[in-house]
Amino acid sequence: MPLSIQELLVQTSRTFALAIPLLPEPTQNTTCLAYLLFRIADTLEDAETWSRAQRQEALAELGELFKAPSQESARSMSRRWLAGTPTTHAGYRALLEAVPEVMAEVERLEAGNRRIVLDHALRTAIGMRGVLERADAQGRVRINDLAELKAYCYVVAGIVGELLTALFVHNAPSLRAVEEVLTRHQLEFGEGLQLVNILKDESVDRGEGRSYLPVEVPRVEVLELAKSDLAGARRYIAALREGGAPRGFVAFTALSEELAEASLVRLERDGPGAKVSRTEVFEILARVQEGGV
């Protein structure tokens, strides 16, 4: 029996499993479903047992599903993907099994939220197919310079920043007053979070044949770019406050930024693989929930 939407979130995420419940409805459910669609695409892009061609074909199918949602197509794709054993990760396999249920929930969203989610998920699926053009026949991605790194971060995280801004403004129209500022910093927000993840997972990625950090770019340069991006993320959060955003919007974004900031401190001090302790994670979460951000 497929897991519930909330169970799928917990099984497939780290930070977002803590951050998304801070959002008010309907933004909470919409963001959860958007995250799961992006994670489905990411699972197909990273399918460790598949060739590049198999991954690209699956992402093309997923894109067609986002363009024209269909329960029959979702069930057929889910069965076919799982039969090919794209991943050994239990949570990601459960998510692929639940594609029909996730798509059914997306179809129940209010029309504006549904269109925002599907449009942005489609752009990411298309972008991930493009990322695989730079991979070898086995699907191993190697990024060669800073421009390629920024382009990759846009596909997997910058579009998420655009998605969140669209959802926030749609569900809290008062934010139209600060929409220009939010738009100015939304890509920095997404890129900053992704750069921290790449730096944190550097050793694991290399062990699995992926190379997201360009060899010719000094690691300190990537660290400095992440710092600059997180400064932009803080300006994004300040604009939410100035625009009178619901408290949950501020808590959601502040938790994501503060956890990334804390991770960056440890990465600078201890190198690849350094992580924020569970104790500090829950201290940051408690402070954000209390409004002390």
C-alpha atoms as a PDB file:
ATOM      1  CA  MET A   1       0.000   0.000   0.000  1.00  0.00           C
ATOM      2  CA  PRO A   2       1.498   3.385  -0.999  1.00  0.00           C
ATOM      3  CA  LEU A   3       2.597   5.707   1.779  1.00  0.00           C
ATOM      4  CA  SER A   4       0.590   8.841   2.566  1.00  0.00           C
ATOM      5  CA  ILE A   5       1.749  12.185   1.181  1.00  0.00           C
ATOM      6  CA  GLN A   6       3.184  13.183   4.577  1.00  0.00           C
ATOM      7  CA  GLU A   7       4.935   9.826   4.974  1.00  0.00           C
ATOM      8  CA  LEU A   8       6.480  10.223   1.529  1.00  0.00           C
ATOM      9  CA  LEU A   9       7.796  13.650   2.539  1.00  0.00           C
ATOM     10  CA  VAL A  10       9.489  12.223   5.624  1.00  0.00           C
ATOM     11  CA  GLN A  11      10.918   9.269   3.673  1.00  0.00           C
ATOM     12  CA  THR A  12      12.433  11.402   0.925  1.00  0.00           C
ATOM     13  CA  SER A  13      13.589  14.681   2.464  1.00  0.00           C
ATOM     14  CA  ARG A  14      15.754  16.175   5.168  1.00  0.00           C
ATOM     15  CA  THR A  15      15.263  19.896   5.652  1.00  0.00           C
ATOM     16  CA  PHE A  16      11.916  20.110   3.861  1.00  0.00           C
ATOM     17  CA  ALA A  17      10.347  17.499   6.141  1.00  0.00           C
ATOM     18  CA  LEU A  18      10.953  19.954   8.993  1.00  0.00           C
ATOM     19  CA  ALA A  19      10.239  23.166   7.071  1.00  0.00           C
ATOM     20  CA  ILE A  20       7.084  22.405   5.071  1.00  0.00           C
ATOM     21  CA  PRO A  21       4.878  21.737   8.144  1.00  0.00           C
ATOM     22  CA  LEU A  22       5.603  25.309   9.251  1.00  0.00           C
ATOM     23  CA  LEU A  23       3.621  26.670   6.289  1.00  0.00           C
ATOM     24  CA  PRO A  24      -0.093  27.508   6.564  1.00  0.00           C
ATOM     25  CA  GLU A  25      -2.641  25.843   4.311  1.00  0.00           C
ATOM     26  CA  PRO A  26      -3.170  25.714   1.396  1.00  0.00           C
ATOM     27  CA  THR A  27       0.487  26.564   0.795  1.00  0.00           C
ATOM     28  CA  GLN A  28       1.691  23.697   2.997  1.00  0.00           C
ATOM     29  CA  ASN A  29      -0.032  20.935   1.018  1.00  0.00           C
ATOM     30  CA  THR A  30       0.787  22.586  -2.307  1.00  0.00           C
ATOM     31  CA  THR A  31       4.492  22.924  -1.425  1.00  0.00           C
ATOM     32  CA  CYS A  32       4.624  19.335  -0.180  1.00  0.00           C
ATOM     33  CA  LEU A  33       3.220  18.055  -3.460  1.00  0.00           C
ATOM     34  CA  ALA A  34       5.555  20.296  -5.460  1.00  0.00           C
ATOM     35  CA  TYR A  35       8.513  18.926  -3.495  1.00  0.00           C
ATOM     36  CA  LEU A  36       7.435  15.358  -4.279  1.00  0.00           C
ATOM     37  CA  LEU A  37       7.141  16.099  -8.012  1.00  0.00           C
ATOM     38  CA  PHE A  38      10.631  17.609  -8.013  1.00  0.00           C
ATOM     39  CA  ARG A  39      11.908  14.592  -6.060  1.00  0.00           C
ATOM     40  CA  ILE A  40      10.387  12.202  -8.613  1.00  0.00           C
ATOM     41  CA  ALA A  41      12.282  14.041 -11.354  1.00  0.00           C
ATOM     42  CA  ASP A  42      15.470  14.014  -9.278  1.00  0.00           C
ATOM     43  CA  THR A  43      15.120  10.269  -8.647  1.00  0.00           C
ATOM     44  CA  LEU A  44      14.870   9.614 -12.377  1.00  0.00           C
ATOM     45  CA  GLU A  45      17.822  11.883 -13.130  1.00  0.00           C
ATOM     46  CA  ASP A  46      19.987  10.138 -10.526  1.00  0.00           C
ATOM     47  CA  ALA A  47      18.771   6.568 -11.311  1.00  0.00           C
ATOM     48  CA  GLU A  48      22.056   4.852 -10.487  1.00  0.00           C
ATOM     49  CA  THR A  49      21.344   1.593 -12.331  1.00  0.00           C
ATOM     50  CA  TRP A  50      20.144   3.255 -15.552  1.00  0.00           C
ATOM     51  CA  SER A  51      22.046   4.585 -18.537  1.00  0.00           C
ATOM     52  CA  ARG A  52      21.854   8.218 -19.584  1.00  0.00           C
ATOM     53  CA  ALA A  53      19.386   7.320 -22.358  1.00  0.00           C
ATOM     54  CA  GLN A  54      17.065   5.496 -19.935  1.00  0.00           C
ATOM     55  CA  ARG A  55      17.058   8.463 -17.555  1.00  0.00           C
ATOM     56  CA  GLN A  56      16.361  10.935 -20.350  1.00  0.00           C
ATOM     57  CA  GLU A  57      13.511   8.815 -21.679  1.00  0.00           C
ATOM     58  CA  ALA A  58      11.919   8.579 -18.220  1.00  0.00           C
ATOM     59  CA  LEU A  59      12.227  12.350 -17.686  1.00  0.00           C
ATOM     60  CA  ALA A  60      10.602  12.948 -21.087  1.00  0.00           C
ATOM     61  CA  GLU A  61       7.706  10.696 -20.045  1.00  0.00           C
ATOM     62  CA  LEU A  62       7.414  12.539 -16.743  1.00  0.00           C
ATOM     63  CA  GLY A  63       7.307  15.857 -18.586  1.00  0.00           C
ATOM     64  CA  GLU A  64       4.433  14.605 -20.719  1.00  0.00           C
ATOM     65  CA  LEU A  65       2.587  13.554 -17.551  1.00  0.00           C
ATOM     66  CA  PHE A  66       3.011  17.064 -16.128  1.00  0.00           C
ATOM     67  CA  LYS A  67       1.659  18.554 -19.368  1.00  0.00           C
ATOM     68  CA  ALA A  68      -1.376  16.253 -19.463  1.00  0.00           C
ATOM     69  CA  PRO A  69      -2.019  14.559 -16.090  1.00  0.00           C
ATOM     70  CA  SER A  70      -3.593  11.119 -16.447  1.00  0.00           C
ATOM     71  CA  GLN A  71      -4.090   8.414 -13.836  1.00  0.00           C
ATOM     72  CA  GLU A  72      -3.712   5.703 -16.455  1.00  0.00           C
ATOM     73  CA  SER A  73      -0.420   7.163 -17.681  1.00  0.00           C
ATOM     74  CA  ALA A  74       0.828   7.668 -14.111  1.00  0.00           C
ATOM     75  CA  ARG A  75       0.130   4.020 -13.211  1.00  0.00           C
ATOM     76  CA  SER A  76       1.751   2.739 -16.390  1.00  0.00           C
ATOM     77  CA  MET A  77       4.884   4.869 -15.899  1.00  0.00           C
ATOM     78  CA  SER A  78       5.174   3.932 -12.236  1.00  0.00           C
ATOM     79  CA  ARG A  79       5.036   0.198 -12.979  1.00  0.00           C
ATOM     80  CA  ARG A  80       7.498   0.459 -15.857  1.00  0.00           C
ATOM     81  CA  TRP A  81      10.012   2.565 -13.913  1.00  0.00           C
ATOM     82  CA  LEU A  82       9.938   0.285 -10.875  1.00  0.00           C
ATOM     83  CA  ALA A  83      10.343  -2.813 -13.050  1.00  0.00           C
ATOM     84  CA  GLY A  84      13.636  -1.332 -14.218  1.00  0.00           C
ATOM     85  CA  THR A  85      14.879  -0.871 -10.618  1.00  0.00           C
ATOM     86  CA  PRO A  86      16.169   2.705 -11.026  1.00  0.00           C
ATOM     87  CA  THR A  87      17.189   3.075  -7.360  1.00  0.00           C
ATOM     88  CA  THR A  88      17.837   1.003  -4.257  1.00  0.00           C
ATOM     89  CA  HIS A  89      16.688   3.815  -1.935  1.00  0.00           C
ATOM     90  CA  ALA A  90      13.525   2.554  -0.207  1.00  0.00           C
ATOM     91  CA  GLY A  91      11.979   6.018   0.157  1.00  0.00           C
ATOM     92  CA  TYR A  92      12.515   6.910  -3.496  1.00  0.00           C
ATOM     93  CA  ARG A  93      11.113   3.555  -4.617  1.00  0.00           C
ATOM     94  CA  ALA A  94       8.040   4.199  -2.467  1.00  0.00           C
ATOM     95  CA  LEU A  95       7.685   7.605  -4.107  1.00  0.00           C
ATOM     96  CA  LEU A  96       7.840   6.125  -7.613  1.00  0.00           C
ATOM     97  CA  GLU A  97       5.211   3.588  -6.570  1.00  0.00           C
ATOM     98  CA  ALA A  98       2.996   6.442  -5.350  1.00  0.00           C
ATOM     99  CA  VAL A  99       3.211   8.554  -8.536  1.00  0.00           C
ATOM    100  CA  PRO A 100      -0.502   7.948  -9.351  1.00  0.00           C
ATOM    101  CA  GLU A 101      -1.563   9.018  -5.838  1.00  0.00           C
ATOM    102  CA  VAL A 102       0.700  12.095  -5.870  1.00  0.00           C
ATOM    103  CA  MET A 103      -0.651  13.178  -9.260  1.00  0.00           C
ATOM    104  CA  ALA A 104      -4.225  12.630  -8.058  1.00  0.00           C
ATOM    105  CA  GLU A 105      -3.550  14.957  -5.115  1.00  0.00           C
ATOM    106  CA  VAL A 106      -2.018  17.559  -7.433  1.00  0.00           C
ATOM    107  CA  GLU A 107      -5.168  17.430  -9.558  1.00  0.00           C
ATOM    108  CA  ARG A 108      -7.236  18.287  -6.446  1.00  0.00           C
ATOM    109  CA  LEU A 109      -5.331  21.533  -5.830  1.00  0.00           C
ATOM    110  CA  GLU A 110      -6.976  24.891  -6.412  1.00  0.00           C
ATOM    111  CA  ALA A 111      -6.533  25.784 -10.092  1.00  0.00           C
ATOM    112  CA  GLY A 112      -3.950  28.535  -9.598  1.00  0.00           C
ATOM    113  CA  ASN A 113      -1.773  26.500  -7.260  1.00  0.00           C
ATOM    114  CA  ARG A 114      -2.044  23.455  -9.530  1.00  0.00           C
ATOM    115  CA  ARG A 115      -0.902  25.382 -12.585  1.00  0.00           C
ATOM    116  CA  ILE A 116       2.065  26.906 -10.719  1.00  0.00           C
ATOM    117  CA  VAL A 117       3.184  23.491  -9.450  1.00  0.00           C
ATOM    118  CA  LEU A 118       2.870  21.666 -12.773  1.00  0.00           C
ATOM    119  CA  ASP A 119       4.461  24.461 -14.829  1.00  0.00           C
ATOM    120  CA  HIS A 120       7.536  24.638 -12.606  1.00  0.00           C
ATOM    121  CA  ALA A 121       7.848  20.860 -12.243  1.00  0.00           C
ATOM    122  CA  LEU A 122       7.741  20.538 -16.029  1.00  0.00           C
ATOM    123  CA  ARG A 123      10.527  23.101 -16.419  1.00  0.00           C
ATOM    124  CA  THR A 124      12.683  21.154 -13.982  1.00  0.00           C
ATOM    125  CA  ALA A 125      12.055  17.827 -15.754  1.00  0.00           C
ATOM    126  CA  ILE A 126      13.071  19.439 -19.048  1.00  0.00           C
ATOM    127  CA  GLY A 127      16.104  21.050 -17.414  1.00  0.00           C
ATOM    128  CA  MET A 128      17.254  17.765 -15.885  1.00  0.00           C
ATOM    129  CA  ARG A 129      17.145  16.122 -19.312  1.00  0.00           C
ATOM    130  CA  GLY A 130      19.433  18.918 -20.448  1.00  0.00           C
ATOM    131  CA  VAL A 131      21.812  18.309 -17.529  1.00  0.00           C
ATOM    132  CA  LEU A 132      22.124  14.689 -18.650  1.00  0.00           C
ATOM    133  CA  GLU A 133      23.348  15.880 -22.051  1.00  0.00           C
ATOM    134  CA  ARG A 134      26.623  16.646 -20.245  1.00  0.00           C
ATOM    135  CA  ALA A 135      26.761  13.153 -18.719  1.00  0.00           C
ATOM    136  CA  ASP A 136      28.609  10.125 -20.066  1.00  0.00           C
ATOM    137  CA  ALA A 137      26.760   7.077 -21.424  1.00  0.00           C
ATOM    138  CA  GLN A 138      26.317   5.725 -17.878  1.00  0.00           C
ATOM    139  CA  GLY A 139      24.696   8.979 -16.763  1.00  0.00           C
ATOM    140  CA  ARG A 140      27.612  10.270 -14.692  1.00  0.00           C
ATOM    141  CA  VAL A 141      27.465  14.072 -14.615  1.00  0.00           C
ATOM    142  CA  ARG A 142      30.667  16.140 -14.520  1.00  0.00           C
ATOM    143  CA  ILE A 143      30.459  19.921 -14.206  1.00  0.00           C
ATOM    144  CA  ASN A 144      33.462  21.724 -15.660  1.00  0.00           C
ATOM    145  CA  ASP A 145      33.210  25.375 -14.665  1.00  0.00           C
ATOM    146  CA  LEU A 146      31.329  27.879 -12.533  1.00  0.00           C
ATOM    147  CA  ALA A 147      28.882  28.777 -15.307  1.00  0.00           C
ATOM    148  CA  GLU A 148      27.855  25.113 -15.634  1.00  0.00           C
ATOM    149  CA  LEU A 149      27.523  24.851 -11.849  1.00  0.00           C
ATOM    150  CA  LYS A 150      25.212  27.868 -11.720  1.00  0.00           C
ATOM    151  CA  ALA A 151      23.159  26.493 -14.633  1.00  0.00           C
ATOM    152  CA  TYR A 152      22.801  23.162 -12.814  1.00  0.00           C
ATOM    153  CA  CYS A 153      21.767  24.909  -9.573  1.00  0.00           C
ATOM    154  CA  TYR A 154      19.133  26.861 -11.485  1.00  0.00           C
ATOM    155  CA  VAL A 155      17.534  23.692 -12.859  1.00  0.00           C
ATOM    156  CA  VAL A 156      17.391  21.824  -9.555  1.00  0.00           C
ATOM    157  CA  ALA A 157      16.924  24.716  -7.099  1.00  0.00           C
ATOM    158  CA  GLY A 158      16.561  28.113  -8.755  1.00  0.00           C
ATOM    159  CA  ILE A 159      13.264  26.989 -10.285  1.00  0.00           C
ATOM    160  CA  VAL A 160      12.192  26.009  -6.762  1.00  0.00           C
ATOM    161  CA  GLY A 161      12.821  29.609  -5.693  1.00  0.00           C
ATOM    162  CA  GLU A 162      10.638  30.829  -8.559  1.00  0.00           C
ATOM    163  CA  LEU A 163       7.952  28.298  -7.622  1.00  0.00           C
ATOM    164  CA  LEU A 164       7.885  29.444  -3.993  1.00  0.00           C
ATOM    165  CA  THR A 165       7.620  33.117  -4.939  1.00  0.00           C
ATOM    166  CA  ALA A 166       4.720  32.351  -7.279  1.00  0.00           C
ATOM    167  CA  LEU A 167       2.936  30.307  -4.597  1.00  0.00           C
ATOM    168  CA  PHE A 168       3.550  32.886  -1.868  1.00  0.00           C
ATOM    169  CA  VAL A 169       2.205  35.774  -3.948  1.00  0.00           C
ATOM    170  CA  HIS A 170      -0.736  33.710  -5.202  1.00  0.00           C
ATOM    171  CA  ASN A 171      -1.782  32.640  -1.703  1.00  0.00           C
ATOM    172  CA  ALA A 172      -0.980  35.932   0.064  1.00  0.00           C
ATOM    173  CA  PRO A 173      -1.797  38.755  -2.393  1.00  0.00           C
ATOM    174  CA  SER A 174      -0.456  41.397   0.020  1.00  0.00           C
ATOM    175  CA  LEU A 175       3.014  40.235  -1.063  1.00  0.00           C
ATOM    176  CA  ARG A 176       2.519  41.842  -4.456  1.00  0.00           C
ATOM    177  CA  ALA A 177       3.854  44.988  -2.798  1.00  0.00           C
ATOM    178  CA  VAL A 178       7.269  43.308  -2.375  1.00  0.00           C
ATOM    179  CA  GLU A 179       7.121  40.914  -5.345  1.00  0.00           C
ATOM    180  CA  GLU A 180       9.903  42.767  -7.167  1.00  0.00           C
ATOM    181  CA  VAL A 181      12.292  42.246  -4.232  1.00  0.00           C
ATOM    182  CA  LEU A 182      11.288  38.606  -3.850  1.00  0.00           C
ATOM    183  CA  THR A 183      11.865  38.037  -7.558  1.00  0.00           C
ATOM    184  CA  ARG A 184      15.274  39.739  -7.376  1.00  0.00           C
ATOM    185  CA  HIS A 185      16.519  37.324  -4.688  1.00  0.00           C
ATOM    186  CA  GLN A 186      14.620  34.088  -5.383  1.00  0.00           C
ATOM    187  CA  LEU A 187      17.395  32.545  -7.501  1.00  0.00           C
ATOM    188  CA  GLU A 188      20.036  33.353  -4.896  1.00  0.00           C
ATOM    189  CA  PHE A 189      17.900  31.604  -2.306  1.00  0.00           C
ATOM    190  CA  GLY A 190      17.624  28.419  -4.352  1.00  0.00           C
ATOM    191  CA  GLU A 191      21.237  28.467  -5.524  1.00  0.00           C
ATOM    192  CA  GLY A 192      22.581  29.053  -2.012  1.00  0.00           C
ATOM    193  CA  LEU A 193      20.733  26.075  -0.553  1.00  0.00           C
ATOM    194  CA  GLN A 194      21.841  23.844  -3.441  1.00  0.00           C
ATOM    195  CA  LEU A 195      25.488  24.889  -3.204  1.00  0.00           C
ATOM    196  CA  VAL A 196      25.515  24.000   0.476  1.00  0.00           C
ATOM    197  CA  ASN A 197      24.048  20.581  -0.340  1.00  0.00           C
ATOM    198  CA  ILE A 198      26.651  20.013  -3.063  1.00  0.00           C
ATOM    199  CA  LEU A 199      29.493  20.955  -0.728  1.00  0.00           C
ATOM    200  CA  LYS A 200      28.053  18.784   2.025  1.00  0.00           C
ATOM    201  CA  ASP A 201      27.559  15.746  -0.249  1.00  0.00           C
ATOM    202  CA  GLU A 202      30.793  16.146  -2.227  1.00  0.00           C
ATOM    203  CA  SER A 203      32.361  12.865  -1.108  1.00  0.00           C
ATOM    204  CA  VAL A 204      29.169  10.818  -1.584  1.00  0.00           C
ATOM    205  CA  ASP A 205      28.614  12.260  -5.066  1.00  0.00           C
ATOM    206  CA  ARG A 206      32.159  11.493  -6.159  1.00  0.00           C
ATOM    207  CA  GLY A 207      31.820   7.956  -4.834  1.00  0.00           C
ATOM    208  CA  GLU A 208      28.737   7.492  -7.032  1.00  0.00           C
ATOM    209  CA  GLY A 209      30.419   8.943 -10.128  1.00  0.00           C
ATOM    210  CA  ARG A 210      28.937  12.464 -10.000  1.00  0.00           C
ATOM    211  CA  SER A 211      31.158  15.541  -9.991  1.00  0.00           C
ATOM    212  CA  TYR A 212      29.233  18.747  -9.339  1.00  0.00           C
ATOM    213  CA  LEU A 213      32.193  20.805  -8.094  1.00  0.00           C
ATOM    214  CA  PRO A 214      34.407  21.926 -10.989  1.00  0.00           C
ATOM    215  CA  VAL A 215      37.984  20.745 -10.477  1.00  0.00           C
ATOM    216  CA  GLU A 216      39.427  23.992 -11.845  1.00  0.00           C
ATOM    217  CA  VAL A 217      37.400  26.199  -9.498  1.00  0.00           C
ATOM    218  CA  PRO A 218      38.907  26.640  -6.010  1.00  0.00           C
ATOM    219  CA  ARG A 219      36.599  25.255  -3.339  1.00  0.00           C
ATOM    220  CA  VAL A 220      36.832  28.551  -1.448  1.00  0.00           C
ATOM    221  CA  GLU A 221      35.276  30.298  -4.453  1.00  0.00           C
ATOM    222  CA  VAL A 222      32.224  28.043  -4.240  1.00  0.00           C
ATOM    223  CA  LEU A 223      32.030  28.668  -0.486  1.00  0.00           C
ATOM    224  CA  GLU A 224      32.092  32.439  -1.084  1.00  0.00           C
ATOM    225  CA  LEU A 225      29.370  32.171  -3.722  1.00  0.00           C
ATOM    226  CA  ALA A 226      27.211  30.214  -1.266  1.00  0.00           C
ATOM    227  CA  LYS A 227      27.760  32.905   1.383  1.00  0.00           C
ATOM    228  CA  SER A 228      26.755  35.638  -1.055  1.00  0.00           C
ATOM    229  CA  ASP A 229      23.666  33.684  -2.084  1.00  0.00           C
ATOM    230  CA  LEU A 230      22.579  33.162   1.527  1.00  0.00           C
ATOM    231  CA  ALA A 231      22.892  36.910   2.088  1.00  0.00           C
ATOM    232  CA  GLY A 232      20.416  37.264  -0.781  1.00  0.00           C
ATOM    233  CA  ALA A 233      18.201  34.665   0.909  1.00  0.00           C
ATOM    234  CA  ARG A 234      18.127  36.799   4.052  1.00  0.00           C
ATOM    235  CA  ARG A 235      16.998  39.772   1.954  1.00  0.00           C
ATOM    236  CA  TYR A 236      14.251  37.564   0.514  1.00  0.00           C
ATOM    237  CA  ILE A 237      13.084  36.712   4.048  1.00  0.00           C
ATOM    238  CA  ALA A 238      13.212  40.383   5.072  1.00  0.00           C
ATOM    239  CA  ALA A 239      10.964  41.231   2.115  1.00  0.00           C
ATOM    240  CA  LEU A 240       8.459  38.593   3.235  1.00  0.00           C
ATOM    241  CA  ARG A 241       8.316  40.267   6.652  1.00  0.00           C
ATOM    242  CA  GLU A 242       8.014  43.729   5.116  1.00  0.00           C
ATOM    243  CA  GLY A 243       5.169  42.531   2.892  1.00  0.00           C
ATOM    244  CA  GLY A 244       3.186  41.167   5.823  1.00  0.00           C
ATOM    245  CA  ALA A 245       3.606  37.511   4.873  1.00  0.00           C
ATOM    246  CA  PRO A 246       1.911  34.881   7.039  1.00  0.00           C
ATOM    247  CA  ARG A 247       4.189  33.898   9.895  1.00  0.00           C
ATOM    248  CA  GLY A 248       4.574  30.394   8.446  1.00  0.00           C
ATOM    249  CA  PHE A 249       6.053  31.751   5.206  1.00  0.00           C
ATOM    250  CA  VAL A 250       8.770  33.493   7.218  1.00  0.00           C
ATOM    251  CA  ALA A 251       9.389  30.456   9.452  1.00  0.00           C
ATOM    252  CA  PHE A 252       9.644  28.099   6.459  1.00  0.00           C
ATOM    253  CA  THR A 253      12.194  30.211   4.612  1.00  0.00           C
ATOM    254  CA  ALA A 254      14.108  31.198   7.753  1.00  0.00           C
ATOM    255  CA  LEU A 255      14.543  27.568   8.837  1.00  0.00           C
ATOM    256  CA  SER A 256      15.911  26.595   5.418  1.00  0.00           C
ATOM    257  CA  GLU A 257      18.324  29.556   5.375  1.00  0.00           C
ATOM    258  CA  GLU A 258      19.521  29.115   8.972  1.00  0.00           C
ATOM    259  CA  LEU A 259      20.190  25.397   8.520  1.00  0.00           C
ATOM    260  CA  ALA A 260      22.160  26.135   5.340  1.00  0.00           C
ATOM    261  CA  GLU A 261      24.108  28.862   7.164  1.00  0.00           C
ATOM    262  CA  ALA A 262      24.956  26.516  10.034  1.00  0.00           C
ATOM    263  CA  SER A 263      26.049  23.830   7.565  1.00  0.00           C
ATOM    264  CA  LEU A 264      28.284  26.295   5.740  1.00  0.00           C
ATOM    265  CA  VAL A 265      30.061  27.204   8.988  1.00  0.00           C
ATOM    266  CA  ARG A 266      30.861  23.535   9.619  1.00  0.00           C
ATOM    267  CA  LEU A 267      31.893  22.893   6.027  1.00  0.00           C
ATOM    268  CA  GLU A 268      34.405  25.737   6.214  1.00  0.00           C
ATOM    269  CA  ARG A 269      35.740  24.450   9.517  1.00  0.00           C
ATOM    270  CA  ASP A 270      35.664  20.684   9.020  1.00  0.00           C
ATOM    271  CA  GLY A 271      35.554  20.124   5.243  1.00  0.00           C
ATOM    272  CA  PRO A 272      33.355  17.870   3.052  1.00  0.00           C
ATOM    273  CA  GLY A 273      30.830  15.725   4.863  1.00  0.00           C
ATOM    274  CA  ALA A 274      30.514  18.033   7.865  1.00  0.00           C
ATOM    275  CA  LYS A 275      26.970  18.190   9.166  1.00  0.00           C
ATOM    276  CA  VAL A 276      24.945  20.162  11.678  1.00  0.00           C
ATOM    277  CA  SER A 277      24.181  18.074  14.774  1.00  0.00           C
ATOM    278  CA  ARG A 278      20.615  16.972  15.455  1.00  0.00           C
ATOM    279  CA  THR A 279      20.725  19.016  18.650  1.00  0.00           C
ATOM    280  CA  GLU A 280      21.518  22.227  16.778  1.00  0.00           C
ATOM    281  CA  VAL A 281      18.925  21.435  14.089  1.00  0.00           C
ATOM    282  CA  PHE A 282      16.190  21.244  16.700  1.00  0.00           C
ATOM    283  CA  GLU A 283      17.494  24.332  18.502  1.00  0.00           C
ATOM    284  CA  ILE A 284      17.199  26.283  15.236  1.00  0.00           C
ATOM    285  CA  LEU A 285      13.750  24.816  14.603  1.00  0.00           C
ATOM    286  CA  ALA A 286      12.559  25.806  18.086  1.00  0.00           C
ATOM    287  CA  ARG A 287      13.878  29.355  17.665  1.00  0.00           C
ATOM    288  CA  VAL A 288      12.165  29.710  14.276  1.00  0.00           C
ATOM    289  CA  GLN A 289       8.877  28.365  15.626  1.00  0.00           C
ATOM    290  CA  GLU A 290       9.022  30.848  18.493  1.00  0.00           C
ATOM    291  CA  GLY A 291       9.498  33.677  16.043  1.00  0.00           C
ATOM    292  CA  GLY A 292      13.005  34.523  17.177  1.00  0.00           C
ATOM    293  CA  VAL A 293      14.416  34.807  13.672  1.00  0.00           C
END
